[in-house]
Amino acid sequence: MILVAAIAATLLVSTAGLLQNTAQATSQDSKAQISDQLLVVGATGQVDADGEDRAVDRIDLTVTASPGAGEIDLSKASIEFVGPTNHRTLGYADAARPGAFAVESLVDDDANAPVLNDRSDRFSVLIDLDESMALAPGKRATLRIVGPSGSVKTAIVGAPASLRSYDDGDDIEL
């Protein structure tokens, strides 16, 4: 009887330890999804002028980490682009190109880009839009940035109603 009780006690302690470890891992994942958020502090676009036709063919989001966030490695993030006529998921690349985004540091005292690891870090997330994704005058797009922890930041950007006064390569606020 003592042997059976000892085996049962060992199983209970083992199971309790396993459940505790699982609960801690789940708690840490949930905390990261909530606290490791990005803040989009600015959005600009670049005008592509082809004769009379004008559209925004590049988006530049200025991002930082939210207060209390841990490290956010943007090379492990993805961006879901939902435009007026197109939907695409973009991955990280060393240089911006259609289908991929790039990260440039604006303020990065420890030169650790593309990892946001300090509250003062500011990065530019550069998104080149191909012809099917470009934002015509008055059109909007939704950008969902999914961080490595699963946190999601949504930014809605829109081209001005008229782009006639802008030349090729001009930067505009979105």
Protein backbone atom coordinates (compact mmCIF):
# COMPACT_ATOMS: atom_id res chain seq x y z
CA MET A 1 0.00 0.00 0.00
CA ILE A 2 2.84 2.36 0.82
CA LEU A 3 4.42 1.58 -2.55
CA VAL A 4 1.17 2.36 -4.42
CA ALA A 5 0.79 5.62 -2.46
CA ALA A 6 4.40 6.60 -3.26
CA ILE A 7 3.88 5.95 -6.99
CA ALA A 8 0.61 7.92 -6.96
CA ALA A 9 2.30 10.81 -5.14
CA THR A 10 5.17 10.81 -7.67
CA LEU A 11 2.70 10.93 -10.56
CA LEU A 12 0.79 13.79 -8.96
CA VAL A 13 3.95 15.81 -8.32
CA SER A 14 5.20 15.12 -11.86
CA THR A 15 1.88 16.12 -13.42
CA ALA A 16 1.67 19.25 -11.27
CA GLY A 17 5.18 20.28 -12.41
CA LEU A 18 4.29 19.71 -16.06
CA LEU A 19 1.09 21.75 -15.71
CA GLN A 20 2.99 24.55 -13.97
CA ASN A 21 5.58 24.72 -16.78
CA THR A 22 2.84 24.76 -19.43
CA ALA A 23 0.98 27.51 -17.58
CA GLN A 24 4.15 29.62 -17.30
CA ALA A 25 4.91 29.25 -21.02
CA THR A 26 1.34 30.19 -21.93
CA SER A 27 1.47 33.15 -19.57
CA GLN A 28 4.75 34.40 -21.08
CA ASP A 29 3.38 34.04 -24.64
CA SER A 30 0.22 35.93 -23.72
CA LYS A 31 2.20 38.66 -21.99
CA ALA A 32 4.46 39.06 -25.03
CA GLN A 33 1.47 39.35 -27.37
CA ILE A 34 0.04 42.13 -25.22
CA SER A 35 3.16 44.04 -24.19
CA ASP A 36 5.47 43.63 -27.20
CA GLN A 37 3.47 46.04 -29.33
CA LEU A 38 4.72 48.38 -32.03
CA LEU A 39 3.70 52.00 -32.24
CA VAL A 40 3.42 53.62 -35.66
CA VAL A 41 4.41 57.25 -35.10
CA GLY A 42 4.33 58.40 -38.72
CA ALA A 43 3.49 57.37 -42.26
CA THR A 44 4.68 58.90 -45.49
CA GLY A 45 4.51 57.85 -49.10
CA GLN A 46 6.43 58.50 -52.27
CA VAL A 47 4.70 59.67 -55.43
CA ASP A 48 5.24 57.90 -58.74
CA ALA A 49 4.36 60.24 -61.60
CA ASP A 50 3.99 58.64 -65.01
CA GLY A 51 2.79 61.40 -67.31
CA GLU A 52 -0.56 62.55 -65.94
CA ASP A 53 -1.04 59.39 -63.86
CA ARG A 54 0.13 59.61 -60.26
CA ALA A 55 0.05 57.10 -57.44
CA VAL A 56 1.84 56.29 -54.18
CA ASP A 57 4.31 53.48 -54.88
CA ARG A 58 6.27 53.44 -51.62
CA ILE A 59 5.16 53.54 -47.99
CA ASP A 60 7.46 54.49 -45.14
CA LEU A 61 6.20 53.76 -41.62
CA THR A 62 8.13 55.17 -38.66
CA VAL A 63 7.85 52.70 -35.78
CA THR A 64 9.00 52.34 -32.19
CA ALA A 65 8.32 49.91 -29.38
CA SER A 66 5.42 50.60 -27.02
CA PRO A 67 6.18 51.35 -23.37
CA GLY A 68 7.07 48.18 -21.48
CA ALA A 69 7.78 46.16 -24.61
CA GLY A 70 10.64 43.70 -24.76
CA GLU A 71 12.85 43.20 -27.80
CA ILE A 72 10.96 43.19 -31.10
CA ASP A 73 12.89 41.62 -33.97
CA LEU A 74 11.33 43.05 -37.11
CA SER A 75 13.19 40.55 -39.30
CA LYS A 76 10.82 37.94 -37.85
CA ALA A 77 7.71 40.04 -38.44
CA SER A 78 5.35 40.06 -41.40
CA ILE A 79 3.12 42.72 -42.88
CA GLU A 80 -0.29 42.02 -44.32
CA PHE A 81 -1.15 44.59 -47.01
CA VAL A 82 -4.85 44.93 -47.80
CA GLY A 83 -5.38 47.47 -50.55
CA PRO A 84 -8.32 48.50 -52.69
CA THR A 85 -7.68 45.73 -55.23
CA ASN A 86 -4.96 43.57 -53.75
CA HIS A 87 -4.11 41.53 -50.65
CA ARG A 88 -0.58 40.38 -49.96
CA THR A 89 1.59 39.20 -47.06
CA LEU A 90 5.08 40.69 -47.04
CA GLY A 91 8.17 39.23 -45.39
CA TYR A 92 11.39 40.88 -44.31
CA ALA A 93 14.29 41.47 -46.73
CA ASP A 94 17.54 43.46 -46.60
CA ALA A 95 16.15 45.87 -49.22
CA ALA A 96 12.58 46.92 -49.90
CA ARG A 97 11.04 45.40 -53.00
CA PRO A 98 7.53 44.39 -54.04
CA GLY A 99 6.63 41.41 -51.89
CA ALA A 100 9.04 42.29 -49.07
CA PHE A 101 9.67 45.11 -46.63
CA ALA A 102 12.96 46.45 -45.31
CA VAL A 103 13.95 48.22 -42.10
CA GLU A 104 16.26 51.22 -41.82
CA SER A 105 17.30 52.71 -38.51
CA LEU A 106 16.52 56.34 -37.82
CA VAL A 107 17.57 56.32 -34.14
CA ASP A 108 19.46 53.23 -32.99
CA ASP A 109 22.17 54.00 -30.45
CA ASP A 110 23.40 50.41 -30.24
CA ALA A 111 23.22 49.74 -34.02
CA ASN A 112 21.07 46.65 -33.46
CA ALA A 113 18.62 47.15 -36.36
CA PRO A 114 16.21 45.51 -37.20
CA VAL A 115 15.71 44.72 -33.49
CA LEU A 116 13.84 47.32 -31.45
CA ASN A 117 15.45 46.86 -28.04
CA ASP A 118 15.35 50.33 -26.55
CA ARG A 119 12.48 52.74 -26.05
CA SER A 120 14.41 55.44 -27.96
CA ASP A 121 14.83 53.27 -31.10
CA ARG A 122 13.05 54.56 -34.20
CA PHE A 123 13.00 52.57 -37.42
CA SER A 124 11.64 53.14 -40.89
CA VAL A 125 9.69 50.21 -42.30
CA LEU A 126 9.93 50.59 -46.08
CA ILE A 127 7.34 48.99 -48.34
CA ASP A 128 7.68 49.18 -52.12
CA LEU A 129 4.38 48.73 -53.91
CA ASP A 130 4.13 47.15 -57.31
CA GLU A 131 1.68 48.49 -59.90
CA SER A 132 -1.20 46.36 -58.61
CA MET A 133 -0.67 47.58 -55.02
CA ALA A 134 0.02 51.29 -55.68
CA LEU A 135 -2.38 53.72 -54.04
CA ALA A 136 -4.22 55.88 -56.54
CA PRO A 137 -5.48 59.30 -55.41
CA GLY A 138 -8.07 58.95 -52.63
CA LYS A 139 -7.42 55.21 -52.09
CA ARG A 140 -6.55 53.63 -48.75
CA ALA A 141 -4.79 50.49 -47.58
CA THR A 142 -4.69 48.63 -44.29
CA LEU A 143 -1.32 47.40 -43.04
CA ARG A 144 -1.28 44.77 -40.28
CA ILE A 145 2.17 44.31 -38.77
CA VAL A 146 2.39 40.93 -37.06
CA GLY A 147 5.32 40.82 -34.65
CA PRO A 148 7.33 37.71 -33.75
CA SER A 149 5.29 37.25 -30.56
CA GLY A 150 2.02 37.34 -32.49
CA SER A 151 1.16 40.91 -31.53
CA VAL A 152 -0.68 42.83 -34.25
CA LYS A 153 -0.49 46.55 -35.01
CA THR A 154 -2.88 47.92 -37.62
CA ALA A 155 -2.18 51.09 -39.56
CA ILE A 156 -4.47 52.58 -42.17
CA VAL A 157 -2.80 54.75 -44.79
CA GLY A 158 -4.40 56.73 -47.56
CA ALA A 159 -3.30 58.77 -50.52
CA PRO A 160 -4.60 62.35 -50.76
CA ALA A 161 -7.63 62.91 -53.00
CA SER A 162 -5.40 64.64 -55.53
CA LEU A 163 -1.77 64.07 -56.39
CA ARG A 164 -1.62 66.53 -59.34
CA SER A 165 0.58 69.05 -57.54
CA TYR A 166 3.24 66.43 -56.75
CA ASP A 167 6.18 65.42 -58.89
CA ASP A 168 7.83 62.03 -59.27
CA GLY A 169 9.67 61.10 -56.08
CA ASP A 170 7.94 63.64 -53.83
CA ASP A 171 7.27 62.51 -50.27
CA ILE A 172 3.77 63.03 -48.90
CA GLU A 173 2.06 62.40 -45.59
CA LEU A 174 -0.35 59.47 -45.66
